[in-house]
C-alpha atoms as a PDB file:
ATOM      1  CA  MET A   1      57.268  14.027   7.230  1.00  0.00           C
ATOM      2  CA  GLY A   2      56.284  10.640   5.901  1.00  0.00           C
ATOM      3  CA  TYR A   3      58.283   8.208   3.872  1.00  0.00           C
ATOM      4  CA  SER A   4      58.415   9.099   0.162  1.00  0.00           C
ATOM      5  CA  PHE A   5      58.710   7.046  -2.987  1.00  0.00           C
ATOM      6  CA  TYR A   6      60.010   8.071  -6.391  1.00  0.00           C
ATOM      7  CA  ILE A   7      59.499   7.053  -9.987  1.00  0.00           C
ATOM      8  CA  GLU A   8      62.865   7.328 -11.685  1.00  0.00           C
ATOM      9  CA  ARG A   9      64.710   5.796 -14.592  1.00  0.00           C
ATOM     10  CA  ALA A  10      68.322   4.680 -14.256  1.00  0.00           C
ATOM     11  CA  GLY A  11      70.594   5.928 -17.005  1.00  0.00           C
ATOM     12  CA  SER A  12      68.219   8.511 -18.472  1.00  0.00           C
ATOM     13  CA  ASP A  13      66.007  11.289 -17.234  1.00  0.00           C
ATOM     14  CA  ILE A  14      62.232  11.273 -17.592  1.00  0.00           C
ATOM     15  CA  SER A  15      61.151  14.315 -19.574  1.00  0.00           C
ATOM     16  CA  LEU A  16      58.051  16.312 -18.704  1.00  0.00           C
ATOM     17  CA  GLU A  17      56.566  15.374 -22.082  1.00  0.00           C
ATOM     18  CA  GLU A  18      57.091  11.631 -21.434  1.00  0.00           C
ATOM     19  CA  TRP A  19      55.664  11.971 -17.943  1.00  0.00           C
ATOM     20  CA  LEU A  20      52.495  13.705 -19.103  1.00  0.00           C
ATOM     21  CA  ALA A  21      52.032  11.248 -21.993  1.00  0.00           C
ATOM     22  CA  ALA A  22      52.273   8.292 -19.592  1.00  0.00           C
ATOM     23  CA  ALA A  23      49.800   9.949 -17.196  1.00  0.00           C
ATOM     24  CA  ALA A  24      47.343  10.620 -20.035  1.00  0.00           C
ATOM     25  CA  GLY A  25      46.995   6.855 -20.471  1.00  0.00           C
ATOM     26  CA  ILE A  26      45.702   6.361 -16.911  1.00  0.00           C
ATOM     27  CA  ALA A  27      42.017   7.157 -16.477  1.00  0.00           C
ATOM     28  CA  ASN A  28      42.055   8.360 -12.859  1.00  0.00           C
ATOM     29  CA  LEU A  29      45.013  10.773 -13.254  1.00  0.00           C
ATOM     30  CA  ARG A  30      45.005  14.352 -14.468  1.00  0.00           C
ATOM     31  CA  GLN A  31      47.431  17.243 -14.543  1.00  0.00           C
ATOM     32  CA  ARG A  32      46.974  19.588 -11.594  1.00  0.00           C
ATOM     33  CA  GLY A  33      45.808  22.968 -12.793  1.00  0.00           C
ATOM     34  CA  GLU A  34      45.945  24.965  -9.585  1.00  0.00           C
ATOM     35  CA  GLY A  35      48.458  25.702  -6.857  1.00  0.00           C
ATOM     36  CA  TYR A  36      48.483  24.600  -3.242  1.00  0.00           C
ATOM     37  CA  THR A  37      47.314  26.376  -0.102  1.00  0.00           C
ATOM     38  CA  ALA A  38      48.718  25.699   3.347  1.00  0.00           C
ATOM     39  CA  VAL A  39      47.373  27.257   6.553  1.00  0.00           C
ATOM     40  CA  ASN A  40      49.479  27.799   9.667  1.00  0.00           C
ATOM     41  CA  ALA A  41      47.412  26.271  12.485  1.00  0.00           C
ATOM     42  CA  GLY A  42      48.756  28.702  15.072  1.00  0.00           C
ATOM     43  CA  THR A  43      48.464  31.997  13.190  1.00  0.00           C
ATOM     44  CA  ARG A  44      45.865  31.021  10.575  1.00  0.00           C
ATOM     45  CA  GLU A  45      48.166  32.609   7.996  1.00  0.00           C
ATOM     46  CA  SER A  46      47.599  31.203   4.517  1.00  0.00           C
ATOM     47  CA  ILE A  47      50.513  30.390   2.209  1.00  0.00           C
ATOM     48  CA  GLU A  48      50.001  29.946  -1.538  1.00  0.00           C
ATOM     49  CA  LEU A  49      52.378  27.780  -3.589  1.00  0.00           C
ATOM     50  CA  ALA A  50      52.339  27.255  -7.342  1.00  0.00           C
ATOM     51  CA  SER A  51      52.077  23.760  -8.752  1.00  0.00           C
ATOM     52  CA  SER A  52      54.690  22.300 -11.073  1.00  0.00           C
ATOM     53  CA  PRO A  53      53.569  21.562 -14.663  1.00  0.00           C
ATOM     54  CA  GLY A  54      54.100  17.837 -14.044  1.00  0.00           C
ATOM     55  CA  ASP A  55      52.116  17.553 -10.818  1.00  0.00           C
ATOM     56  CA  LEU A  56      49.270  15.041 -11.048  1.00  0.00           C
ATOM     57  CA  GLU A  57      46.041  14.515  -9.155  1.00  0.00           C
ATOM     58  CA  ILE A  58      44.321  11.203  -8.629  1.00  0.00           C
ATOM     59  CA  GLY A  59      40.565  10.876  -8.760  1.00  0.00           C
ATOM     60  CA  SER A  60      38.484   8.678  -6.527  1.00  0.00           C
ATOM     61  CA  PRO A  61      34.712   8.195  -6.739  1.00  0.00           C
ATOM     62  CA  GLN A  62      32.524  10.122  -4.352  1.00  0.00           C
ATOM     63  CA  SER A  63      29.502   8.886  -2.437  1.00  0.00           C
ATOM     64  CA  PHE A  64      26.143   8.511  -4.158  1.00  0.00           C
ATOM     65  CA  ILE A  65      24.892  11.809  -2.679  1.00  0.00           C
ATOM     66  CA  MET A  66      27.946  13.731  -3.922  1.00  0.00           C
ATOM     67  CA  ARG A  67      27.520  12.223  -7.405  1.00  0.00           C
ATOM     68  CA  ILE A  68      23.914  13.449  -7.481  1.00  0.00           C
ATOM     69  CA  ALA A  69      25.170  16.919  -6.530  1.00  0.00           C
ATOM     70  CA  GLY A  70      27.437  16.864  -9.582  1.00  0.00           C
ATOM     71  CA  ARG A  71      30.658  16.113  -7.721  1.00  0.00           C
ATOM     72  CA  GLY A  72      31.268  12.567  -8.856  1.00  0.00           C
ATOM     73  CA  VAL A  73      35.040  12.500  -8.439  1.00  0.00           C
ATOM     74  CA  ASN A  74      37.252  13.779  -5.645  1.00  0.00           C
ATOM     75  CA  TRP A  75      40.632  14.930  -7.047  1.00  0.00           C
ATOM     76  CA  GLU A  76      43.622  14.957  -4.682  1.00  0.00           C
ATOM     77  CA  PRO A  77      47.301  15.793  -5.261  1.00  0.00           C
ATOM     78  CA  ALA A  78      49.249  12.557  -5.706  1.00  0.00           C
ATOM     79  CA  PHE A  79      52.419  12.899  -7.828  1.00  0.00           C
ATOM     80  CA  PHE A  80      54.922  15.754  -7.765  1.00  0.00           C
ATOM     81  CA  PHE A  81      57.217  15.869 -10.800  1.00  0.00           C
ATOM     82  CA  CYS A  82      60.505  17.703 -10.387  1.00  0.00           C
ATOM     83  CA  GLY A  83      64.021  17.185 -11.676  1.00  0.00           C
ATOM     84  CA  GLN A  84      63.267  14.314 -14.079  1.00  0.00           C
ATOM     85  CA  ARG A  85      61.575  12.135 -11.462  1.00  0.00           C
ATOM     86  CA  ALA A  86      58.301  12.052  -9.557  1.00  0.00           C
ATOM     87  CA  LYS A  87      57.708  11.899  -5.821  1.00  0.00           C
ATOM     88  CA  PHE A  88      54.623  10.310  -4.263  1.00  0.00           C
ATOM     89  CA  ARG A  89      53.228   8.825  -1.043  1.00  0.00           C
ATOM     90  CA  PRO A  90      50.638   6.034  -1.210  1.00  0.00           C
ATOM     91  CA  ARG A  91      47.951   6.186   1.444  1.00  0.00           C
ATOM     92  CA  ASP A  92      48.646   2.552   2.354  1.00  0.00           C
ATOM     93  CA  ILE A  93      51.883   1.061   1.015  1.00  0.00           C
ATOM     94  CA  ASP A  94      50.844  -2.462   2.015  1.00  0.00           C
ATOM     95  CA  ASP A  95      47.507  -2.326   0.177  1.00  0.00           C
ATOM     96  CA  ARG A  96      47.956  -3.526  -3.411  1.00  0.00           C
ATOM     97  CA  HIS A  97      44.602  -1.867  -4.210  1.00  0.00           C
ATOM     98  CA  ASP A  98      45.748   1.580  -3.050  1.00  0.00           C
ATOM     99  CA  PRO A  99      44.951   3.893  -6.001  1.00  0.00           C
ATOM    100  CA  VAL A 100      48.190   5.884  -5.741  1.00  0.00           C
ATOM    101  CA  ARG A 101      50.277   2.716  -5.540  1.00  0.00           C
ATOM    102  CA  LYS A 102      48.443   1.229  -8.559  1.00  0.00           C
ATOM    103  CA  ALA A 103      48.885   4.425 -10.595  1.00  0.00           C
ATOM    104  CA  ALA A 104      52.589   4.567  -9.655  1.00  0.00           C
ATOM    105  CA  ALA A 105      53.098   1.018 -10.908  1.00  0.00           C
ATOM    106  CA  LYS A 106      51.369   1.857 -14.217  1.00  0.00           C
ATOM    107  CA  LEU A 107      53.415   5.043 -14.646  1.00  0.00           C
ATOM    108  CA  ALA A 108      56.685   3.270 -13.910  1.00  0.00           C
ATOM    109  CA  GLN A 109      55.871   0.492 -16.366  1.00  0.00           C
ATOM    110  CA  ALA A 110      54.866   2.941 -19.117  1.00  0.00           C
ATOM    111  CA  LEU A 111      58.106   4.883 -18.628  1.00  0.00           C
ATOM    112  CA  GLY A 112      60.449   1.909 -18.252  1.00  0.00           C
ATOM    113  CA  ALA A 113      61.235   3.291 -14.808  1.00  0.00           C
ATOM    114  CA  SER A 114      61.565   1.976 -11.258  1.00  0.00           C
ATOM    115  CA  ILE A 115      59.844   2.756  -7.977  1.00  0.00           C
ATOM    116  CA  VAL A 116      62.464   3.644  -5.385  1.00  0.00           C
ATOM    117  CA  GLY A 117      62.116   4.442  -1.687  1.00  0.00           C
ATOM    118  CA  ASP A 118      63.823   7.194   0.314  1.00  0.00           C
ATOM    119  CA  GLU A 119      66.621   4.797   1.243  1.00  0.00           C
ATOM    120  CA  GLY A 120      67.257   3.633  -2.342  1.00  0.00           C
ATOM    121  CA  GLU A 121      65.406   0.315  -2.136  1.00  0.00           C
ATOM    122  CA  GLN A 122      63.455  -0.726  -5.231  1.00  0.00           C
ATOM    123  CA  TYR A 123      59.854  -1.919  -5.235  1.00  0.00           C
ATOM    124  CA  ALA A 124      58.330  -4.320  -7.776  1.00  0.00           C
ATOM    125  CA  TRP A 125      54.593  -3.743  -7.735  1.00  0.00           C
END
């Protein structure tokens, strides 16, 4: 398991409605409409999990060839909303251009919230 970060607001919970409204203002985010599939490498057994209504995907541009084929954006799970806060893991925490990190900063600002690490430390991006 990797290190996780959270978007949370001290003193008041973030409602699902607030969360989705903040996400709607960020062009490369969308609500996840499908569940998740995990495959056991040893048995090849497939496990299906439902998504939460507040889960968000982040879109990143595809290669020129994929855009020609009609698949211009690659959508990947990025934010998992549960219990009045969201959990996420940037691909590269040290890269200020990381799309998940940038989206997290925008979400936190829009919600008047903070970005907090697993050990309770706060990040100011």
